[in-house]
Amino acid sequence: MPAMALGLVQVLEHRLFDMQDRLVEFASLDVPRRIAHAVLRLIDQAGREEVAGTRIGFPISRQDLAALTGTTLHNVSRILTHWERHGLIAGGRRTLLVRDIPGLMHLATAIEA
């Protein structure tokens, strides 16, 4: 029983640190960087390698990304369309393929001008 309690505490600790990181993102990052962070997290959790890039392994809509990042559907659509035009991602109905992970990482970590 003590091992189970310790495991539970570790899981809760990990989730607490994750929530703290997300709160810092909401408070300090602009919308494109928050979206980039969210997409990179989703790739870490459920990314599937394909010839053309890495696909998020479950259906996700632009509205879902808006909810994850605390912004509007309009902002997410505008930003993802811009990223598609620059070849970073490819989207479809409830699907997201990241073609350039290093480019997305650069967007996530770029210092605001």
C-alpha atoms as a PDB file:
ATOM      1  CA  MET A   1       0.000   0.000   0.000  1.00  0.00           C
ATOM      2  CA  PRO A   2       2.766   2.551   0.696  1.00  0.00           C
ATOM      3  CA  ALA A   3       4.120   2.019  -2.841  1.00  0.00           C
ATOM      4  CA  MET A   4       0.724   2.867  -4.308  1.00  0.00           C
ATOM      5  CA  ALA A   5       0.477   6.004  -2.167  1.00  0.00           C
ATOM      6  CA  LEU A   6       3.969   7.071  -3.238  1.00  0.00           C
ATOM      7  CA  GLY A   7       3.072   6.477  -6.884  1.00  0.00           C
ATOM      8  CA  LEU A   8      -0.067   8.581  -6.501  1.00  0.00           C
ATOM      9  CA  VAL A   9       1.922  11.410  -4.917  1.00  0.00           C
ATOM     10  CA  GLN A  10       4.404  11.306  -7.804  1.00  0.00           C
ATOM     11  CA  VAL A  11       1.613  11.464 -10.388  1.00  0.00           C
ATOM     12  CA  LEU A  12       0.002  14.396  -8.587  1.00  0.00           C
ATOM     13  CA  GLU A  13       3.358  16.162  -8.307  1.00  0.00           C
ATOM     14  CA  HIS A  14       3.949  15.761 -12.055  1.00  0.00           C
ATOM     15  CA  ARG A  15       0.486  17.147 -12.852  1.00  0.00           C
ATOM     16  CA  LEU A  16       0.983  20.069 -10.483  1.00  0.00           C
ATOM     17  CA  PHE A  17       4.258  21.031 -12.171  1.00  0.00           C
ATOM     18  CA  ASP A  18       2.588  20.691 -15.586  1.00  0.00           C
ATOM     19  CA  MET A  19      -0.260  22.988 -14.521  1.00  0.00           C
ATOM     20  CA  GLN A  20       2.219  25.499 -13.114  1.00  0.00           C
ATOM     21  CA  ASP A  21       4.072  25.554 -16.456  1.00  0.00           C
ATOM     22  CA  ARG A  22       0.816  26.118 -18.315  1.00  0.00           C
ATOM     23  CA  LEU A  23      -0.168  28.987 -16.038  1.00  0.00           C
ATOM     24  CA  VAL A  24       3.198  30.623 -16.693  1.00  0.00           C
ATOM     25  CA  GLU A  25       2.591  30.179 -20.446  1.00  0.00           C
ATOM     26  CA  PHE A  26      -0.844  31.810 -20.216  1.00  0.00           C
ATOM     27  CA  ALA A  27       0.549  34.735 -18.248  1.00  0.00           C
ATOM     28  CA  SER A  28       3.721  35.388 -20.182  1.00  0.00           C
ATOM     29  CA  LEU A  29       3.549  34.104 -23.770  1.00  0.00           C
ATOM     30  CA  ASP A  30       1.847  35.553 -26.805  1.00  0.00           C
ATOM     31  CA  VAL A  31      -0.788  33.486 -28.614  1.00  0.00           C
ATOM     32  CA  PRO A  32       1.415  31.985 -31.381  1.00  0.00           C
ATOM     33  CA  ARG A  33       3.940  30.767 -28.831  1.00  0.00           C
ATOM     34  CA  ARG A  34       1.187  29.282 -26.635  1.00  0.00           C
ATOM     35  CA  ILE A  35      -0.205  27.416 -29.641  1.00  0.00           C
ATOM     36  CA  ALA A  36       3.266  26.184 -30.599  1.00  0.00           C
ATOM     37  CA  HIS A  37       3.840  24.914 -27.045  1.00  0.00           C
ATOM     38  CA  ALA A  38       0.456  23.147 -27.054  1.00  0.00           C
ATOM     39  CA  VAL A  39       1.106  21.452 -30.399  1.00  0.00           C
ATOM     40  CA  LEU A  40       4.563  20.316 -29.251  1.00  0.00           C
ATOM     41  CA  ARG A  41       3.025  18.884 -26.059  1.00  0.00           C
ATOM     42  CA  LEU A  42       0.429  17.023 -28.117  1.00  0.00           C
ATOM     43  CA  ILE A  43       3.175  15.600 -30.324  1.00  0.00           C
ATOM     44  CA  ASP A  44       5.076  14.423 -27.238  1.00  0.00           C
ATOM     45  CA  GLN A  45       1.927  12.732 -25.932  1.00  0.00           C
ATOM     46  CA  ALA A  46       0.442  11.273 -29.110  1.00  0.00           C
ATOM     47  CA  GLY A  47       2.666  12.000 -32.113  1.00  0.00           C
ATOM     48  CA  ARG A  48       2.900   9.403 -34.873  1.00  0.00           C
ATOM     49  CA  GLU A  49       5.782   9.592 -37.314  1.00  0.00           C
ATOM     50  CA  GLU A  50       4.808   9.609 -40.985  1.00  0.00           C
ATOM     51  CA  VAL A  51       6.742  10.178 -44.185  1.00  0.00           C
ATOM     52  CA  ALA A  52       5.540  13.794 -44.409  1.00  0.00           C
ATOM     53  CA  GLY A  53       6.019  14.640 -40.720  1.00  0.00           C
ATOM     54  CA  THR A  54       4.516  13.888 -37.317  1.00  0.00           C
ATOM     55  CA  ARG A  55       0.760  13.572 -36.963  1.00  0.00           C
ATOM     56  CA  ILE A  56      -1.128  14.089 -33.726  1.00  0.00           C
ATOM     57  CA  GLY A  57      -2.600  10.645 -33.163  1.00  0.00           C
ATOM     58  CA  PHE A  58      -6.156  11.663 -32.318  1.00  0.00           C
ATOM     59  CA  PRO A  59      -8.739  14.040 -33.802  1.00  0.00           C
ATOM     60  CA  ILE A  60      -8.185  17.643 -32.764  1.00  0.00           C
ATOM     61  CA  SER A  61     -10.020  20.699 -34.011  1.00  0.00           C
ATOM     62  CA  ARG A  62      -8.995  24.316 -34.122  1.00  0.00           C
ATOM     63  CA  GLN A  63     -11.612  24.952 -31.445  1.00  0.00           C
ATOM     64  CA  ASP A  64      -9.867  22.349 -29.253  1.00  0.00           C
ATOM     65  CA  LEU A  65      -6.558  24.193 -29.713  1.00  0.00           C
ATOM     66  CA  ALA A  66      -8.256  27.479 -28.862  1.00  0.00           C
ATOM     67  CA  ALA A  67      -9.572  25.992 -25.621  1.00  0.00           C
ATOM     68  CA  LEU A  68      -6.160  24.503 -24.768  1.00  0.00           C
ATOM     69  CA  THR A  69      -4.407  27.833 -25.263  1.00  0.00           C
ATOM     70  CA  GLY A  70      -6.944  30.280 -23.872  1.00  0.00           C
ATOM     71  CA  THR A  71      -7.601  32.107 -27.112  1.00  0.00           C
ATOM     72  CA  THR A  72     -10.279  32.360 -29.784  1.00  0.00           C
ATOM     73  CA  LEU A  73     -11.032  30.120 -32.733  1.00  0.00           C
ATOM     74  CA  HIS A  74     -10.324  33.096 -35.008  1.00  0.00           C
ATOM     75  CA  ASN A  75      -6.802  33.528 -33.601  1.00  0.00           C
ATOM     76  CA  VAL A  76      -6.002  29.812 -33.881  1.00  0.00           C
ATOM     77  CA  SER A  77      -7.313  29.671 -37.461  1.00  0.00           C
ATOM     78  CA  ARG A  78      -5.320  32.734 -38.484  1.00  0.00           C
ATOM     79  CA  ILE A  79      -2.096  31.424 -36.939  1.00  0.00           C
ATOM     80  CA  LEU A  80      -2.438  27.865 -38.254  1.00  0.00           C
ATOM     81  CA  THR A  81      -3.219  29.157 -41.757  1.00  0.00           C
ATOM     82  CA  HIS A  82      -0.055  31.283 -41.603  1.00  0.00           C
ATOM     83  CA  TRP A  83       1.969  28.249 -40.456  1.00  0.00           C
ATOM     84  CA  GLU A  84       0.470  26.133 -43.270  1.00  0.00           C
ATOM     85  CA  ARG A  85       1.510  28.721 -45.845  1.00  0.00           C
ATOM     86  CA  HIS A  86       5.071  28.564 -44.490  1.00  0.00           C
ATOM     87  CA  GLY A  87       5.163  24.745 -44.542  1.00  0.00           C
ATOM     88  CA  LEU A  88       5.344  24.191 -40.778  1.00  0.00           C
ATOM     89  CA  ILE A  89       2.108  22.220 -40.569  1.00  0.00           C
ATOM     90  CA  ALA A  90      -0.589  20.657 -42.722  1.00  0.00           C
ATOM     91  CA  GLY A  91      -4.124  20.507 -41.479  1.00  0.00           C
ATOM     92  CA  GLY A  92      -7.354  18.905 -42.362  1.00  0.00           C
ATOM     93  CA  ARG A  93     -10.670  18.299 -40.734  1.00  0.00           C
ATOM     94  CA  ARG A  94      -9.785  17.493 -37.097  1.00  0.00           C
ATOM     95  CA  THR A  95      -6.244  16.463 -38.022  1.00  0.00           C
ATOM     96  CA  LEU A  96      -2.861  18.110 -37.649  1.00  0.00           C
ATOM     97  CA  LEU A  97       0.422  17.092 -39.260  1.00  0.00           C
ATOM     98  CA  VAL A  98       3.575  18.905 -38.162  1.00  0.00           C
ATOM     99  CA  ARG A  99       6.036  19.012 -41.060  1.00  0.00           C
ATOM    100  CA  ASP A 100       8.759  21.053 -39.378  1.00  0.00           C
ATOM    101  CA  ILE A 101       9.197  20.300 -35.671  1.00  0.00           C
ATOM    102  CA  PRO A 102      12.447  22.323 -35.354  1.00  0.00           C
ATOM    103  CA  GLY A 103      10.680  25.309 -36.931  1.00  0.00           C
ATOM    104  CA  LEU A 104       7.778  24.949 -34.509  1.00  0.00           C
ATOM    105  CA  MET A 105      10.219  24.659 -31.597  1.00  0.00           C
ATOM    106  CA  HIS A 106      11.878  27.874 -32.777  1.00  0.00           C
ATOM    107  CA  LEU A 107       8.490  29.631 -32.779  1.00  0.00           C
ATOM    108  CA  ALA A 108       7.748  28.309 -29.286  1.00  0.00           C
ATOM    109  CA  THR A 109      11.020  29.591 -27.869  1.00  0.00           C
ATOM    110  CA  ALA A 110      11.594  32.755 -29.901  1.00  0.00           C
ATOM    111  CA  ILE A 111      12.065  35.890 -27.861  1.00  0.00           C
ATOM    112  CA  GLU A 112       9.406  38.504 -28.545  1.00  0.00           C
ATOM    113  CA  ALA A 113      10.585  41.617 -30.305  1.00  0.00           C
END
